[in-house]
PDB file of N, CA and C in Angstrom:
ATOM      1  N   MET A   1      67.521 135.796-107.315  1.00  0.00           N
ATOM      2  CA  MET A   1      68.299 136.619-106.396  1.00  0.00           C
ATOM      3  C   MET A   1      67.643 138.000-106.291  1.00  0.00           C
ATOM      4  N   PRO A   2      67.407 138.467-105.092  1.00  0.00           N
ATOM      5  CA  PRO A   2      66.777 139.777-104.909  1.00  0.00           C
ATOM      6  C   PRO A   2      67.665 140.920-105.398  1.00  0.00           C
ATOM      7  N   THR A   3      67.022 141.972-105.889  1.00  0.00           N
ATOM      8  CA  THR A   3      67.706 143.192-106.275  1.00  0.00           C
ATOM      9  C   THR A   3      67.250 144.277-105.314  1.00  0.00           C
ATOM     10  N   ALA A   4      68.201 144.948-104.664  1.00  0.00           N
ATOM     11  CA  ALA A   4      67.873 145.948-103.655  1.00  0.00           C
ATOM     12  C   ALA A   4      68.226 147.348-104.140  1.00  0.00           C
ATOM     13  N   GLY A   5      67.573 148.339-103.549  1.00  0.00           N
ATOM     14  CA  GLY A   5      67.824 149.742-103.839  1.00  0.00           C
ATOM     15  C   GLY A   5      66.757 150.585-103.183  1.00  0.00           C
ATOM     16  N   THR A   6      66.669 151.834-103.565  1.00  0.00           N
ATOM     17  CA  THR A   6      65.554 152.643-103.072  1.00  0.00           C
ATOM     18  C   THR A   6      64.339 152.338-103.941  1.00  0.00           C
ATOM     19  N   LEU A   7      63.166 152.591-103.409  1.00  0.00           N
ATOM     20  CA  LEU A   7      61.945 152.350-104.170  1.00  0.00           C
ATOM     21  C   LEU A   7      61.943 153.161-105.458  1.00  0.00           C
ATOM     22  N   PHE A   8      62.341 154.419-105.378  1.00  0.00           N
ATOM     23  CA  PHE A   8      62.376 155.284-106.558  1.00  0.00           C
ATOM     24  C   PHE A   8      63.287 154.695-107.632  1.00  0.00           C
ATOM     25  N   ASP A   9      64.485 154.279-107.243  1.00  0.00           N
ATOM     26  CA  ASP A   9      65.445 153.732-108.210  1.00  0.00           C
ATOM     27  C   ASP A   9      64.963 152.432-108.834  1.00  0.00           C
ATOM     28  N   LEU A  10      64.383 151.546-108.035  1.00  0.00           N
ATOM     29  CA  LEU A  10      63.912 150.281-108.586  1.00  0.00           C
ATOM     30  C   LEU A  10      62.748 150.485-109.547  1.00  0.00           C
ATOM     31  N   ILE A  11      61.878 151.440-109.275  1.00  0.00           N
ATOM     32  CA  ILE A  11      60.780 151.726-110.203  1.00  0.00           C
ATOM     33  C   ILE A  11      61.339 152.206-111.540  1.00  0.00           C
ATOM     34  N   GLN A  12      62.419 152.958-111.518  1.00  0.00           N
ATOM     35  CA  GLN A  12      63.024 153.431-112.770  1.00  0.00           C
ATOM     36  C   GLN A  12      63.616 152.270-113.564  1.00  0.00           C
ATOM     37  N   ARG A  13      63.990 151.189-112.890  1.00  0.00           N
ATOM     38  CA  ARG A  13      64.674 150.057-113.516  1.00  0.00           C
ATOM     39  C   ARG A  13      63.750 148.886-113.830  1.00  0.00           C
ATOM     40  N   LEU A  14      62.444 149.031-113.682  1.00  0.00           N
ATOM     41  CA  LEU A  14      61.519 147.912-113.834  1.00  0.00           C
ATOM     42  C   LEU A  14      61.686 147.167-115.152  1.00  0.00           C
ATOM     43  N   GLY A  15      61.971 147.882-116.227  1.00  0.00           N
ATOM     44  CA  GLY A  15      62.119 147.262-117.535  1.00  0.00           C
ATOM     45  C   GLY A  15      63.310 146.324-117.657  1.00  0.00           C
ATOM     46  N   GLU A  16      64.213 146.366-116.705  1.00  0.00           N
ATOM     47  CA  GLU A  16      65.408 145.516-116.733  1.00  0.00           C
ATOM     48  C   GLU A  16      65.138 144.094-116.241  1.00  0.00           C
ATOM     49  N   PHE A  17      63.980 143.878-115.631  1.00  0.00           N
ATOM     50  CA  PHE A  17      63.723 142.598-114.976  1.00  0.00           C
ATOM     51  C   PHE A  17      62.903 141.679-115.869  1.00  0.00           C
ATOM     52  N   ASP A  18      63.369 140.432-115.998  1.00  0.00           N
ATOM     53  CA  ASP A  18      62.705 139.416-116.799  1.00  0.00           C
ATOM     54  C   ASP A  18      61.698 138.703-115.904  1.00  0.00           C
ATOM     55  N   ASP A  19      60.417 138.875-116.218  1.00  0.00           N
ATOM     56  CA  ASP A  19      59.364 138.307-115.383  1.00  0.00           C
ATOM     57  C   ASP A  19      58.587 137.246-116.154  1.00  0.00           C
ATOM     58  N   ASP A  20      59.308 136.276-116.747  1.00  0.00           N
ATOM     59  CA  ASP A  20      58.680 135.240-117.558  1.00  0.00           C
ATOM     60  C   ASP A  20      58.192 134.036-116.753  1.00  0.00           C
ATOM     61  N   ASP A  21      58.548 133.940-115.494  1.00  0.00           N
ATOM     62  CA  ASP A  21      58.173 132.788-114.676  1.00  0.00           C
ATOM     63  C   ASP A  21      56.801 133.031-114.055  1.00  0.00           C
ATOM     64  N   GLY A  22      55.757 132.499-114.685  1.00  0.00           N
ATOM     65  CA  GLY A  22      54.398 132.716-114.212  1.00  0.00           C
ATOM     66  C   GLY A  22      54.124 132.128-112.838  1.00  0.00           C
ATOM     67  N   ASP A  23      54.873 131.091-112.450  1.00  0.00           N
ATOM     68  CA  ASP A  23      54.668 130.476-111.135  1.00  0.00           C
ATOM     69  C   ASP A  23      55.261 131.301-110.006  1.00  0.00           C
ATOM     70  N   HIS A  24      56.262 132.102-110.326  1.00  0.00           N
ATOM     71  CA  HIS A  24      56.944 132.897-109.308  1.00  0.00           C
ATOM     72  C   HIS A  24      57.153 134.319-109.837  1.00  0.00           C
ATOM     73  N   PRO A  25      56.066 135.104-109.940  1.00  0.00           N
ATOM     74  CA  PRO A  25      56.202 136.454-110.507  1.00  0.00           C
ATOM     75  C   PRO A  25      57.096 137.343-109.652  1.00  0.00           C
ATOM     76  N   LEU A  26      57.776 138.257-110.321  1.00  0.00           N
ATOM     77  CA  LEU A  26      58.606 139.213-109.593  1.00  0.00           C
ATOM     78  C   LEU A  26      57.714 140.229-108.895  1.00  0.00           C
ATOM     79  N   VAL A  27      58.104 140.560-107.686  1.00  0.00           N
ATOM     80  CA  VAL A  27      57.320 141.470-106.857  1.00  0.00           C
ATOM     81  C   VAL A  27      58.228 142.567-106.322  1.00  0.00           C
ATOM     82  N   LEU A  28      57.678 143.765-106.273  1.00  0.00           N
ATOM     83  CA  LEU A  28      58.356 144.925-105.700  1.00  0.00           C
ATOM     84  C   LEU A  28      57.921 145.040-104.246  1.00  0.00           C
ATOM     85  N   TYR A  29      58.877 144.954-103.335  1.00  0.00           N
ATOM     86  CA  TYR A  29      58.630 145.089-101.908  1.00  0.00           C
ATOM     87  C   TYR A  29      59.315 146.360-101.422  1.00  0.00           C
ATOM     88  N   ALA A  30      58.738 146.999-100.401  1.00  0.00           N
ATOM     89  CA  ALA A  30      59.373 148.189 -99.828  1.00  0.00           C
ATOM     90  C   ALA A  30      59.045 148.293 -98.351  1.00  0.00           C
ATOM     91  N   HIS A  31      59.897 148.999 -97.658  1.00  0.00           N
ATOM     92  CA  HIS A  31      59.625 149.320 -96.261  1.00  0.00           C
ATOM     93  C   HIS A  31      58.339 150.145 -96.237  1.00  0.00           C
ATOM     94  N   ASP A  32      57.336 149.700 -95.520  1.00  0.00           N
ATOM     95  CA  ASP A  32      56.006 150.310 -95.425  1.00  0.00           C
ATOM     96  C   ASP A  32      55.126 150.028 -96.637  1.00  0.00           C
ATOM     97  N   GLY A  33      55.516 149.119 -97.528  1.00  0.00           N
ATOM     98  CA  GLY A  33      54.665 148.690 -98.627  1.00  0.00           C
ATOM     99  C   GLY A  33      54.133 149.830 -99.470  1.00  0.00           C
ATOM    100  N   ALA A  34      52.818 149.870 -99.670  1.00  0.00           N
ATOM    101  CA  ALA A  34      52.189 150.887-100.519  1.00  0.00           C
ATOM    102  C   ALA A  34      52.294 152.292 -99.924  1.00  0.00           C
ATOM    103  N   ASP A  35      52.637 152.389 -98.653  1.00  0.00           N
ATOM    104  CA  ASP A  35      52.819 153.703 -98.020  1.00  0.00           C
ATOM    105  C   ASP A  35      54.269 154.175 -98.076  1.00  0.00           C
ATOM    106  N   ALA A  36      55.107 153.458 -98.777  1.00  0.00           N
ATOM    107  CA  ALA A  36      56.532 153.788 -98.849  1.00  0.00           C
ATOM    108  C   ALA A  36      56.763 155.103 -99.587  1.00  0.00           C
ATOM    109  N   ARG A  37      57.908 155.661 -99.357  1.00  0.00           N
ATOM    110  CA  ARG A  37      58.321 156.918 -99.997  1.00  0.00           C
ATOM    111  C   ARG A  37      59.455 156.636-100.975  1.00  0.00           C
ATOM    112  N   GLN A  38      59.858 157.657-101.716  1.00  0.00           N
ATOM    113  CA  GLN A  38      60.879 157.501-102.755  1.00  0.00           C
ATOM    114  C   GLN A  38      62.161 156.866-102.236  1.00  0.00           C
ATOM    115  N   ARG A  39      62.631 157.280-101.090  1.00  0.00           N
ATOM    116  CA  ARG A  39      63.918 156.794-100.575  1.00  0.00           C
ATOM    117  C   ARG A  39      63.793 155.563 -99.686  1.00  0.00           C
ATOM    118  N   SER A  40      62.600 154.989 -99.613  1.00  0.00           N
ATOM    119  CA  SER A  40      62.404 153.780 -98.804  1.00  0.00           C
ATOM    120  C   SER A  40      63.235 152.629 -99.364  1.00  0.00           C
ATOM    121  N   PRO A  41      63.835 151.825 -98.488  1.00  0.00           N
ATOM    122  CA  PRO A  41      64.536 150.634 -98.953  1.00  0.00           C
ATOM    123  C   PRO A  41      63.543 149.708 -99.652  1.00  0.00           C
ATOM    124  N   ALA A  42      63.977 149.090-100.741  1.00  0.00           N
ATOM    125  CA  ALA A  42      63.083 148.241-101.525  1.00  0.00           C
ATOM    126  C   ALA A  42      63.837 147.062-102.125  1.00  0.00           C
ATOM    127  N   LEU A  43      63.076 146.045-102.532  1.00  0.00           N
ATOM    128  CA  LEU A  43      63.615 144.837-103.158  1.00  0.00           C
ATOM    129  C   LEU A  43      62.704 144.415-104.291  1.00  0.00           C
ATOM    130  N   ILE A  44      63.279 143.795-105.304  1.00  0.00           N
ATOM    131  CA  ILE A  44      62.510 143.081-106.308  1.00  0.00           C
ATOM    132  C   ILE A  44      62.981 141.642-106.240  1.00  0.00           C
ATOM    133  N   CYS A  45      62.028 140.725-106.042  1.00  0.00           N
ATOM    134  CA  CYS A  45      62.361 139.310-105.979  1.00  0.00           C
ATOM    135  C   CYS A  45      61.106 138.494-106.287  1.00  0.00           C
ATOM    136  N   PRO A  46      61.272 137.213-106.581  1.00  0.00           N
ATOM    137  CA  PRO A  46      60.123 136.384-106.942  1.00  0.00           C
ATOM    138  C   PRO A  46      59.255 136.034-105.742  1.00  0.00           C
ATOM    139  N   ARG A  47      57.960 135.936-106.023  1.00  0.00           N
ATOM    140  CA  ARG A  47      57.010 135.455-105.021  1.00  0.00           C
ATOM    141  C   ARG A  47      56.948 133.943-105.182  1.00  0.00           C
ATOM    142  N   GLY A  48      57.039 133.235-104.093  1.00  0.00           N
ATOM    143  CA  GLY A  48      56.974 131.784-104.133  1.00  0.00           C
ATOM    144  C   GLY A  48      55.545 131.294-104.259  1.00  0.00           C
ATOM    145  N   SER A  49      55.380 130.047-104.679  1.00  0.00           N
ATOM    146  CA  SER A  49      54.044 129.494-104.865  1.00  0.00           C
ATOM    147  C   SER A  49      53.308 129.324-103.541  1.00  0.00           C
ATOM    148  N   SER A  50      54.017 129.221-102.456  1.00  0.00           N
ATOM    149  CA  SER A  50      53.365 129.071-101.156  1.00  0.00           C
ATOM    150  C   SER A  50      53.560 130.324-100.313  1.00  0.00           C
ATOM    151  N   GLY A  51      53.593 131.483-100.937  1.00  0.00           N
ATOM    152  CA  GLY A  51      53.803 132.729-100.225  1.00  0.00           C
ATOM    153  C   GLY A  51      55.111 133.363-100.638  1.00  0.00           C
ATOM    154  N   ALA A  52      55.396 134.490-100.049  1.00  0.00           N
ATOM    155  CA  ALA A  52      56.586 135.253-100.431  1.00  0.00           C
ATOM    156  C   ALA A  52      57.853 134.531 -99.996  1.00  0.00           C
ATOM    157  N   THR A  53      58.785 134.351-100.930  1.00  0.00           N
ATOM    158  CA  THR A  53      60.101 133.806-100.598  1.00  0.00           C
ATOM    159  C   THR A  53      61.027 134.951-100.223  1.00  0.00           C
ATOM    160  N   CYS A  54      60.557 136.125-100.347  1.00  0.00           N
ATOM    161  CA  CYS A  54      61.304 137.342-100.118  1.00  0.00           C
ATOM    162  C   CYS A  54      60.279 138.358 -99.644  1.00  0.00           C
ATOM    163  N   PRO A  55      60.488 139.285 -98.890  1.00  0.00           N
ATOM    164  CA  PRO A  55      61.781 139.753 -98.409  1.00  0.00           C
ATOM    165  C   PRO A  55      62.189 139.081 -97.103  1.00  0.00           C
ATOM    166  N   LEU A  56      63.466 139.119 -96.860  1.00  0.00           N
ATOM    167  CA  LEU A  56      63.975 138.582 -95.613  1.00  0.00           C
ATOM    168  C   LEU A  56      63.733 139.556 -94.471  1.00  0.00           C
ATOM    169  N   ASP A  57      63.634 140.834 -94.785  1.00  0.00           N
ATOM    170  CA  ASP A  57      63.404 141.883 -93.802  1.00  0.00           C
ATOM    171  C   ASP A  57      61.897 142.006 -93.554  1.00  0.00           C
ATOM    172  N   ALA A  58      61.461 141.715 -92.343  1.00  0.00           N
ATOM    173  CA  ALA A  58      60.035 141.726 -92.020  1.00  0.00           C
ATOM    174  C   ALA A  58      59.400 143.116 -92.109  1.00  0.00           C
ATOM    175  N   SER A  59      60.204 144.174 -92.169  1.00  0.00           N
ATOM    176  CA  SER A  59      59.643 145.531 -92.279  1.00  0.00           C
ATOM    177  C   SER A  59      59.194 145.845 -93.704  1.00  0.00           C
ATOM    178  N   MET A  60      59.527 144.963 -94.659  1.00  0.00           N
ATOM    179  CA  MET A  60      59.143 145.191 -96.052  1.00  0.00           C
ATOM    180  C   MET A  60      57.882 144.404 -96.370  1.00  0.00           C
ATOM    181  N   SER A  61      57.021 145.032 -97.146  1.00  0.00           N
ATOM    182  CA  SER A  61      55.820 144.351 -97.612  1.00  0.00           C
ATOM    183  C   SER A  61      55.590 144.691 -99.079  1.00  0.00           C
ATOM    184  N   GLU A  62      54.686 143.951 -99.698  1.00  0.00           N
ATOM    185  CA  GLU A  62      54.467 144.061-101.134  1.00  0.00           C
ATOM    186  C   GLU A  62      53.908 145.425-101.521  1.00  0.00           C
ATOM    187  N   VAL A  63      54.465 145.980-102.593  1.00  0.00           N
ATOM    188  CA  VAL A  63      53.930 147.191-103.218  1.00  0.00           C
ATOM    189  C   VAL A  63      53.047 146.746-104.371  1.00  0.00           C
ATOM    190  N   LEU A  64      53.619 146.137-105.389  1.00  0.00           N
ATOM    191  CA  LEU A  64      52.922 145.594-106.554  1.00  0.00           C
ATOM    192  C   LEU A  64      53.814 144.539-107.187  1.00  0.00           C
ATOM    193  N   SER A  65      53.243 143.729-108.051  1.00  0.00           N
ATOM    194  CA  SER A  65      54.086 142.873-108.877  1.00  0.00           C
ATOM    195  C   SER A  65      54.777 143.763-109.912  1.00  0.00           C
ATOM    196  N   VAL A  66      55.871 143.287-110.452  1.00  0.00           N
ATOM    197  CA  VAL A  66      56.574 144.045-111.487  1.00  0.00           C
ATOM    198  C   VAL A  66      55.650 144.238-112.688  1.00  0.00           C
ATOM    199  N   ALA A  67      54.874 143.218-113.040  1.00  0.00           N
ATOM    200  CA  ALA A  67      53.951 143.326-114.178  1.00  0.00           C
ATOM    201  C   ALA A  67      52.901 144.419-113.928  1.00  0.00           C
ATOM    202  N   GLN A  68      52.347 144.483-112.729  1.00  0.00           N
ATOM    203  CA  GLN A  68      51.369 145.527-112.404  1.00  0.00           C
ATOM    204  C   GLN A  68      52.005 146.909-112.460  1.00  0.00           C
ATOM    205  N   ALA A  69      53.229 147.022-111.955  1.00  0.00           N
ATOM    206  CA  ALA A  69      53.919 148.312-111.959  1.00  0.00           C
ATOM    207  C   ALA A  69      54.196 148.777-113.389  1.00  0.00           C
ATOM    208  N   LEU A  70      54.645 147.859-114.240  1.00  0.00           N
ATOM    209  CA  LEU A  70      54.883 148.212-115.641  1.00  0.00           C
ATOM    210  C   LEU A  70      53.575 148.601-116.329  1.00  0.00           C
ATOM    211  N   ASP A  71      52.491 147.923-115.986  1.00  0.00           N
ATOM    212  CA  ASP A  71      51.187 148.258-116.547  1.00  0.00           C
ATOM    213  C   ASP A  71      50.756 149.661-116.112  1.00  0.00           C
ATOM    214  N   ALA A  72      50.998 150.016-114.862  1.00  0.00           N
ATOM    215  CA  ALA A  72      50.645 151.357-114.374  1.00  0.00           C
ATOM    216  C   ALA A  72      51.356 152.431-115.191  1.00  0.00           C
ATOM    217  N   ILE A  73      52.608 152.196-115.509  1.00  0.00           N
ATOM    218  CA  ILE A  73      53.389 153.164-116.292  1.00  0.00           C
ATOM    219  C   ILE A  73      52.880 153.202-117.731  1.00  0.00           C
ATOM    220  N   ALA A  74      52.585 152.037-118.300  1.00  0.00           N
ATOM    221  CA  ALA A  74      52.078 151.979-119.683  1.00  0.00           C
ATOM    222  C   ALA A  74      50.726 152.681-119.805  1.00  0.00           C
ATOM    223  N   VAL A  75      49.839 152.477-118.842  1.00  0.00           N
ATOM    224  CA  VAL A  75      48.531 153.128-118.872  1.00  0.00           C
ATOM    225  C   VAL A  75      48.701 154.637-118.712  1.00  0.00           C
ATOM    226  N   TRP A  76      49.565 155.064-117.807  1.00  0.00           N
ATOM    227  CA  TRP A  76      49.822 156.502-117.634  1.00  0.00           C
ATOM    228  C   TRP A  76      50.210 157.109-118.975  1.00  0.00           C
ATOM    229  N   SER A  77      51.119 156.446-119.679  1.00  0.00           N
ATOM    230  CA  SER A  77      51.600 156.945-120.961  1.00  0.00           C
ATOM    231  C   SER A  77      50.495 156.942-122.018  1.00  0.00           C
ATOM    232  N   ALA A  78      49.767 155.834-122.121  1.00  0.00           N
ATOM    233  CA  ALA A  78      48.710 155.714-123.138  1.00  0.00           C
ATOM    234  C   ALA A  78      47.624 156.764-122.940  1.00  0.00           C
ATOM    235  N   TRP A  79      47.250 157.020-121.711  1.00  0.00           N
ATOM    236  CA  TRP A  79      46.198 158.000-121.426  1.00  0.00           C
ATOM    237  C   TRP A  79      46.658 159.427-121.703  1.00  0.00           C
ATOM    238  N   ARG A  80      47.926 159.610-121.927  1.00  0.00           N
ATOM    239  CA  ARG A  80      48.483 160.944-122.182  1.00  0.00           C
ATOM    240  C   ARG A  80      49.101 161.014-123.574  1.00  0.00           C
ATOM    241  N   GLY A  81      48.511 160.299-124.519  1.00  0.00           N
ATOM    242  CA  GLY A  81      48.968 160.351-125.908  1.00  0.00           C
ATOM    243  C   GLY A  81      50.348 159.770-126.124  1.00  0.00           C
ATOM    244  N   ASP A  82      50.692 158.722-125.401  1.00  0.00           N
ATOM    245  CA  ASP A  82      51.997 158.045-125.480  1.00  0.00           C
ATOM    246  C   ASP A  82      53.162 158.936-125.052  1.00  0.00           C
ATOM    247  N   LEU A  83      52.879 159.880-124.187  1.00  0.00           N
ATOM    248  CA  LEU A  83      53.918 160.721-123.598  1.00  0.00           C
ATOM    249  C   LEU A  83      54.865 159.844-122.787  1.00  0.00           C
ATOM    250  N   THR A  84      56.157 160.125-122.863  1.00  0.00           N
ATOM    251  CA  THR A  84      57.134 159.398-122.054  1.00  0.00           C
ATOM    252  C   THR A  84      57.118 159.981-120.646  1.00  0.00           C
ATOM    253  N   PRO A  85      56.831 159.149-119.641  1.00  0.00           N
ATOM    254  CA  PRO A  85      56.760 159.681-118.284  1.00  0.00           C
ATOM    255  C   PRO A  85      58.140 160.051-117.738  1.00  0.00           C
ATOM    256  N   SER A  86      58.178 161.101-116.958  1.00  0.00           N
ATOM    257  CA  SER A  86      59.411 161.471-116.257  1.00  0.00           C
ATOM    258  C   SER A  86      59.641 160.441-115.151  1.00  0.00           C
ATOM    259  N   PRO A  87      60.815 160.417-114.563  1.00  0.00           N
ATOM    260  CA  PRO A  87      61.033 159.504-113.433  1.00  0.00           C
ATOM    261  C   PRO A  87      60.008 159.708-112.307  1.00  0.00           C
ATOM    262  N   LEU A  88      59.658 160.950-112.012  1.00  0.00           N
ATOM    263  CA  LEU A  88      58.664 161.203-110.966  1.00  0.00           C
ATOM    264  C   LEU A  88      57.280 160.718-111.403  1.00  0.00           C
ATOM    265  N   ASP A  89      56.929 160.899-112.675  1.00  0.00           N
ATOM    266  CA  ASP A  89      55.652 160.395-113.190  1.00  0.00           C
ATOM    267  C   ASP A  89      55.582 158.871-113.069  1.00  0.00           C
ATOM    268  N   ARG A  90      56.678 158.189-113.358  1.00  0.00           N
ATOM    269  CA  ARG A  90      56.726 156.733-113.241  1.00  0.00           C
ATOM    270  C   ARG A  90      56.470 156.322-111.795  1.00  0.00           C
ATOM    271  N   PHE A  91      57.164 156.970-110.879  1.00  0.00           N
ATOM    272  CA  PHE A  91      56.990 156.661-109.457  1.00  0.00           C
ATOM    273  C   PHE A  91      55.548 156.915-109.028  1.00  0.00           C
ATOM    274  N   ASP A  92      55.015 158.068-109.396  1.00  0.00           N
ATOM    275  CA  ASP A  92      53.650 158.429-108.995  1.00  0.00           C
ATOM    276  C   ASP A  92      52.615 157.463-109.574  1.00  0.00           C
ATOM    277  N   ALA A  93      52.788 157.040-110.829  1.00  0.00           N
ATOM    278  CA  ALA A  93      51.835 156.108-111.450  1.00  0.00           C
ATOM    279  C   ALA A  93      51.818 154.769-110.717  1.00  0.00           C
ATOM    280  N   VAL A  94      53.005 154.258-110.403  1.00  0.00           N
ATOM    281  CA  VAL A  94      53.103 152.975-109.698  1.00  0.00           C
ATOM    282  C   VAL A  94      52.504 153.086-108.294  1.00  0.00           C
ATOM    283  N   MET A  95      52.846 154.131-107.583  1.00  0.00           N
ATOM    284  CA  MET A  95      52.376 154.255-106.204  1.00  0.00           C
ATOM    285  C   MET A  95      50.883 154.571-106.140  1.00  0.00           C
ATOM    286  N   PHE A  96      50.351 155.274-107.134  1.00  0.00           N
ATOM    287  CA  PHE A  96      48.914 155.530-107.158  1.00  0.00           C
ATOM    288  C   PHE A  96      48.166 154.206-107.284  1.00  0.00           C
ATOM    289  N   LEU A  97      48.609 153.338-108.189  1.00  0.00           N
ATOM    290  CA  LEU A  97      47.976 152.031-108.344  1.00  0.00           C
ATOM    291  C   LEU A  97      48.107 151.221-107.061  1.00  0.00           C
ATOM    292  N   ALA A  98      49.274 151.235-106.441  1.00  0.00           N
ATOM    293  CA  ALA A  98      49.488 150.472-105.207  1.00  0.00           C
ATOM    294  C   ALA A  98      48.584 150.961-104.079  1.00  0.00           C
ATOM    295  N   ARG A  99      48.392 152.249-103.986  1.00  0.00           N
ATOM    296  CA  ARG A  99      47.618 152.822-102.878  1.00  0.00           C
ATOM    297  C   ARG A  99      46.116 152.825-103.109  1.00  0.00           C
ATOM    298  N   HIS A 100      45.704 152.968-104.380  1.00  0.00           N
ATOM    299  CA  HIS A 100      44.282 153.181-104.661  1.00  0.00           C
ATOM    300  C   HIS A 100      43.635 152.071-105.472  1.00  0.00           C
ATOM    301  N   GLY A 101      44.427 151.128-105.988  1.00  0.00           N
ATOM    302  CA  GLY A 101      43.874 150.018-106.739  1.00  0.00           C
ATOM    303  C   GLY A 101      43.361 150.394-108.118  1.00  0.00           C
ATOM    304  N   GLY A 102      43.699 151.571-108.596  1.00  0.00           N
ATOM    305  CA  GLY A 102      43.299 152.027-109.923  1.00  0.00           C
ATOM    306  C   GLY A 102      44.391 152.892-110.512  1.00  0.00           C
ATOM    307  N   HIS A 103      44.246 153.188-111.792  1.00  0.00           N
ATOM    308  CA  HIS A 103      45.256 153.991-112.474  1.00  0.00           C
ATOM    309  C   HIS A 103      45.039 155.479-112.223  1.00  0.00           C
ATOM    310  N   ARG A 104      46.123 156.214-112.226  1.00  0.00           N
ATOM    311  CA  ARG A 104      46.086 157.652-111.988  1.00  0.00           C
ATOM    312  C   ARG A 104      45.310 158.332-113.118  1.00  0.00           C
ATOM    313  N   PRO A 105      44.264 159.079-112.772  1.00  0.00           N
ATOM    314  CA  PRO A 105      43.467 159.743-113.819  1.00  0.00           C
ATOM    315  C   PRO A 105      44.231 160.907-114.450  1.00  0.00           C
ATOM    316  N   LEU A 106      43.736 161.312-115.605  1.00  0.00           N
ATOM    317  CA  LEU A 106      44.292 162.504-116.233  1.00  0.00           C
ATOM    318  C   LEU A 106      44.037 163.702-115.328  1.00  0.00           C
ATOM    319  N   GLU A 107      44.958 164.644-115.333  1.00  0.00           N
ATOM    320  CA  GLU A 107      44.796 165.835-114.495  1.00  0.00           C
ATOM    321  C   GLU A 107      43.510 166.582-114.834  1.00  0.00           C
ATOM    322  N   SER A 108      43.139 166.641-116.112  1.00  0.00           N
ATOM    323  CA  SER A 108      41.916 167.343-116.501  1.00  0.00           C
ATOM    324  C   SER A 108      40.682 166.642-115.949  1.00  0.00           C
ATOM    325  N   ASP A 109      40.742 165.306-115.802  1.00  0.00           N
ATOM    326  CA  ASP A 109      39.618 164.561-115.219  1.00  0.00           C
ATOM    327  C   ASP A 109      39.426 164.927-113.758  1.00  0.00           C
ATOM    328  N   ARG A 110      40.522 165.100-113.043  1.00  0.00           N
ATOM    329  CA  ARG A 110      40.428 165.429-111.618  1.00  0.00           C
ATOM    330  C   ARG A 110      39.924 166.839-111.407  1.00  0.00           C
ATOM    331  N   GLU A 111      40.229 167.759-112.336  1.00  0.00           N
ATOM    332  CA  GLU A 111      39.772 169.147-112.188  1.00  0.00           C
ATOM    333  C   GLU A 111      38.264 169.243-112.275  1.00  0.00           C
ATOM    334  N   GLY A 112      37.632 168.354-113.065  1.00  0.00           N
ATOM    335  CA  GLY A 112      36.195 168.408-113.254  1.00  0.00           C
ATOM    336  C   GLY A 112      35.415 167.694-112.166  1.00  0.00           C
ATOM    337  N   MET A 113      36.093 167.070-111.230  1.00  0.00           N
ATOM    338  CA  MET A 113      35.397 166.315-110.174  1.00  0.00           C
ATOM    339  C   MET A 113      34.914 167.220-109.075  1.00  0.00           C
TER     340      MET A 113
END
C-alpha cells in the first residue's frame, strides 16, 4: 500500500519502511522526480517486477529507491564523523544523490575545488 505525504516528510520517515522484498523494492516517487522540492507531493510504494506498480498519478516519477535514499543519509553521516543529520541535511543528501548520481561532498572539499 502506498504511503503519501510531502517529499520532505517522507524522507524524514524513511527508516519506518520495511524494504525486505528484493523483487519489489520500495521506491520514493515525487511530483517532478529528482527535480522535486520539499513540499512536492510524494509516495513510497513498491516497484513491480515488470515496471512501476505505483504511482497512479502520472505527474510523479522516481526519485530514488528507499535503500538508495537511506544510503545517501548514512554516507552523509559517515563522512562527517557520524554526525546526526538535521532534517534539512537528510533532504539535501537524498536529493543530491537523486540529481547528481553521487554523494554530497564535504563542504571543505567543495571549497578547495
